Amino acid sequence: MKRPLLITDCDEVLLHMVSHFAEWLEAEHGVRFELETGRWSEAMTVVQTGESLALDQAWILLDAFFRGEMHRQTLVPGQ
């Protein structure tokens, strides 16, 4: 394998965060988030054009979400 192996604990908390992130992206930035592509680099598209968002812009938006939108998160029972 030529790619590094990354092991994470992807539990309900992360899944809940992603849904809030997707809602925020589309409402505030006109960007659709569809992780079904299986690739972070292809998951975000500009609604008006259908073009993939540049990867550097995607990271900027994720950072902005964590810095200013964490109040969107809901408590996950049992976590």
C-alpha atoms as a PDB file:
ATOM      1  CA  MET A   1       0.000   0.000   0.000  1.00  0.00           C
ATOM      2  CA  LYS A   2       1.432   3.372  -1.002  1.00  0.00           C
ATOM      3  CA  ARG A   3      -0.987   5.488   1.028  1.00  0.00           C
ATOM      4  CA  PRO A   4      -0.667   5.915   4.787  1.00  0.00           C
ATOM      5  CA  LEU A   5      -3.193   4.088   6.934  1.00  0.00           C
ATOM      6  CA  LEU A   6      -5.420   6.348   9.011  1.00  0.00           C
ATOM      7  CA  ILE A   7      -7.504   4.795  11.760  1.00  0.00           C
ATOM      8  CA  THR A   8     -10.182   6.947  13.386  1.00  0.00           C
ATOM      9  CA  ASP A   9     -13.036   6.524  15.806  1.00  0.00           C
ATOM     10  CA  CYS A  10     -15.909   7.585  13.556  1.00  0.00           C
ATOM     11  CA  ASP A  11     -18.866   7.447  15.870  1.00  0.00           C
ATOM     12  CA  GLU A  12     -22.229   9.165  16.130  1.00  0.00           C
ATOM     13  CA  VAL A  13     -20.689  12.485  17.140  1.00  0.00           C
ATOM     14  CA  LEU A  14     -18.870  12.828  13.827  1.00  0.00           C
ATOM     15  CA  LEU A  15     -21.932  11.741  11.863  1.00  0.00           C
ATOM     16  CA  HIS A  16     -24.033  14.381  13.605  1.00  0.00           C
ATOM     17  CA  MET A  17     -21.392  17.050  12.943  1.00  0.00           C
ATOM     18  CA  VAL A  18     -21.333  16.271   9.232  1.00  0.00           C
ATOM     19  CA  SER A  19     -25.069  16.827   8.856  1.00  0.00           C
ATOM     20  CA  HIS A  20     -24.823  20.255  10.514  1.00  0.00           C
ATOM     21  CA  PHE A  21     -21.781  21.090   8.398  1.00  0.00           C
ATOM     22  CA  ALA A  22     -23.690  20.204   5.215  1.00  0.00           C
ATOM     23  CA  GLU A  23     -26.679  22.345   6.205  1.00  0.00           C
ATOM     24  CA  TRP A  24     -24.427  25.317   6.996  1.00  0.00           C
ATOM     25  CA  LEU A  25     -22.421  24.959   3.776  1.00  0.00           C
ATOM     26  CA  GLU A  26     -25.473  25.051   1.560  1.00  0.00           C
ATOM     27  CA  ALA A  27     -27.351  27.765   3.477  1.00  0.00           C
ATOM     28  CA  GLU A  28     -24.430  30.124   3.999  1.00  0.00           C
ATOM     29  CA  HIS A  29     -22.088  29.385   1.096  1.00  0.00           C
ATOM     30  CA  GLY A  30     -24.131  27.780  -1.682  1.00  0.00           C
ATOM     31  CA  VAL A  31     -22.030  24.626  -1.503  1.00  0.00           C
ATOM     32  CA  ARG A  32     -23.535  21.139  -1.489  1.00  0.00           C
ATOM     33  CA  PHE A  33     -21.788  18.475   0.601  1.00  0.00           C
ATOM     34  CA  GLU A  34     -22.272  14.872  -0.506  1.00  0.00           C
ATOM     35  CA  LEU A  35     -19.852  12.457   1.080  1.00  0.00           C
ATOM     36  CA  GLU A  36     -21.256   9.585  -0.996  1.00  0.00           C
ATOM     37  CA  THR A  37     -18.436  10.225  -3.476  1.00  0.00           C
ATOM     38  CA  GLY A  38     -16.088   8.642  -0.950  1.00  0.00           C
ATOM     39  CA  ARG A  39     -13.533  11.422  -1.420  1.00  0.00           C
ATOM     40  CA  TRP A  40     -13.267  14.631   0.577  1.00  0.00           C
ATOM     41  CA  SER A  41     -11.851  16.362  -2.502  1.00  0.00           C
ATOM     42  CA  GLU A  42     -15.026  15.622  -4.502  1.00  0.00           C
ATOM     43  CA  ALA A  43     -17.658  15.924  -1.763  1.00  0.00           C
ATOM     44  CA  MET A  44     -18.283  19.666  -2.089  1.00  0.00           C
ATOM     45  CA  THR A  45     -19.795  21.239  -5.181  1.00  0.00           C
ATOM     46  CA  VAL A  46     -20.941  24.766  -5.906  1.00  0.00           C
ATOM     47  CA  VAL A  47     -24.749  24.647  -6.205  1.00  0.00           C
ATOM     48  CA  GLN A  48     -24.994  27.200  -9.036  1.00  0.00           C
ATOM     49  CA  THR A  49     -22.349  25.648 -11.277  1.00  0.00           C
ATOM     50  CA  GLY A  50     -22.056  22.024 -10.178  1.00  0.00           C
ATOM     51  CA  GLU A  51     -18.282  22.426 -10.118  1.00  0.00           C
ATOM     52  CA  SER A  52     -16.193  20.854  -7.388  1.00  0.00           C
ATOM     53  CA  LEU A  53     -14.987  23.249  -4.752  1.00  0.00           C
ATOM     54  CA  ALA A  54     -11.226  23.750  -4.731  1.00  0.00           C
ATOM     55  CA  LEU A  55      -9.663  21.650  -1.978  1.00  0.00           C
ATOM     56  CA  ASP A  56      -7.968  24.647  -0.336  1.00  0.00           C
ATOM     57  CA  GLN A  57     -11.353  26.415  -0.159  1.00  0.00           C
ATOM     58  CA  ALA A  58     -12.963  23.300   1.342  1.00  0.00           C
ATOM     59  CA  TRP A  59     -10.447  23.312   4.205  1.00  0.00           C
ATOM     60  CA  ILE A  60     -11.036  27.037   4.779  1.00  0.00           C
ATOM     61  CA  LEU A  61     -14.780  26.423   5.095  1.00  0.00           C
ATOM     62  CA  LEU A  62     -14.296  23.472   7.451  1.00  0.00           C
ATOM     63  CA  ASP A  63     -12.083  25.636   9.656  1.00  0.00           C
ATOM     64  CA  ALA A  64     -14.689  28.426   9.596  1.00  0.00           C
ATOM     65  CA  PHE A  65     -17.372  25.941  10.625  1.00  0.00           C
ATOM     66  CA  PHE A  66     -15.378  24.728  13.626  1.00  0.00           C
ATOM     67  CA  ARG A  67     -14.499  28.270  14.678  1.00  0.00           C
ATOM     68  CA  GLY A  68     -17.934  29.828  14.348  1.00  0.00           C
ATOM     69  CA  GLU A  69     -20.668  27.232  14.021  1.00  0.00           C
ATOM     70  CA  MET A  70     -20.149  24.665  16.749  1.00  0.00           C
ATOM     71  CA  HIS A  71     -23.309  25.959  18.428  1.00  0.00           C
ATOM     72  CA  ARG A  72     -25.170  24.087  15.660  1.00  0.00           C
ATOM     73  CA  GLN A  73     -24.168  20.793  17.233  1.00  0.00           C
ATOM     74  CA  THR A  74     -26.720  18.831  19.175  1.00  0.00           C
ATOM     75  CA  LEU A  75     -25.985  16.533  22.049  1.00  0.00           C
ATOM     76  CA  VAL A  76     -25.654  12.900  21.093  1.00  0.00           C
ATOM     77  CA  PRO A  77     -27.362  10.641  23.642  1.00  0.00           C
ATOM     78  CA  GLY A  78     -24.868   8.604  25.646  1.00  0.00           C
ATOM     79  CA  GLN A  79     -21.804  10.529  24.473  1.00  0.00           C
END
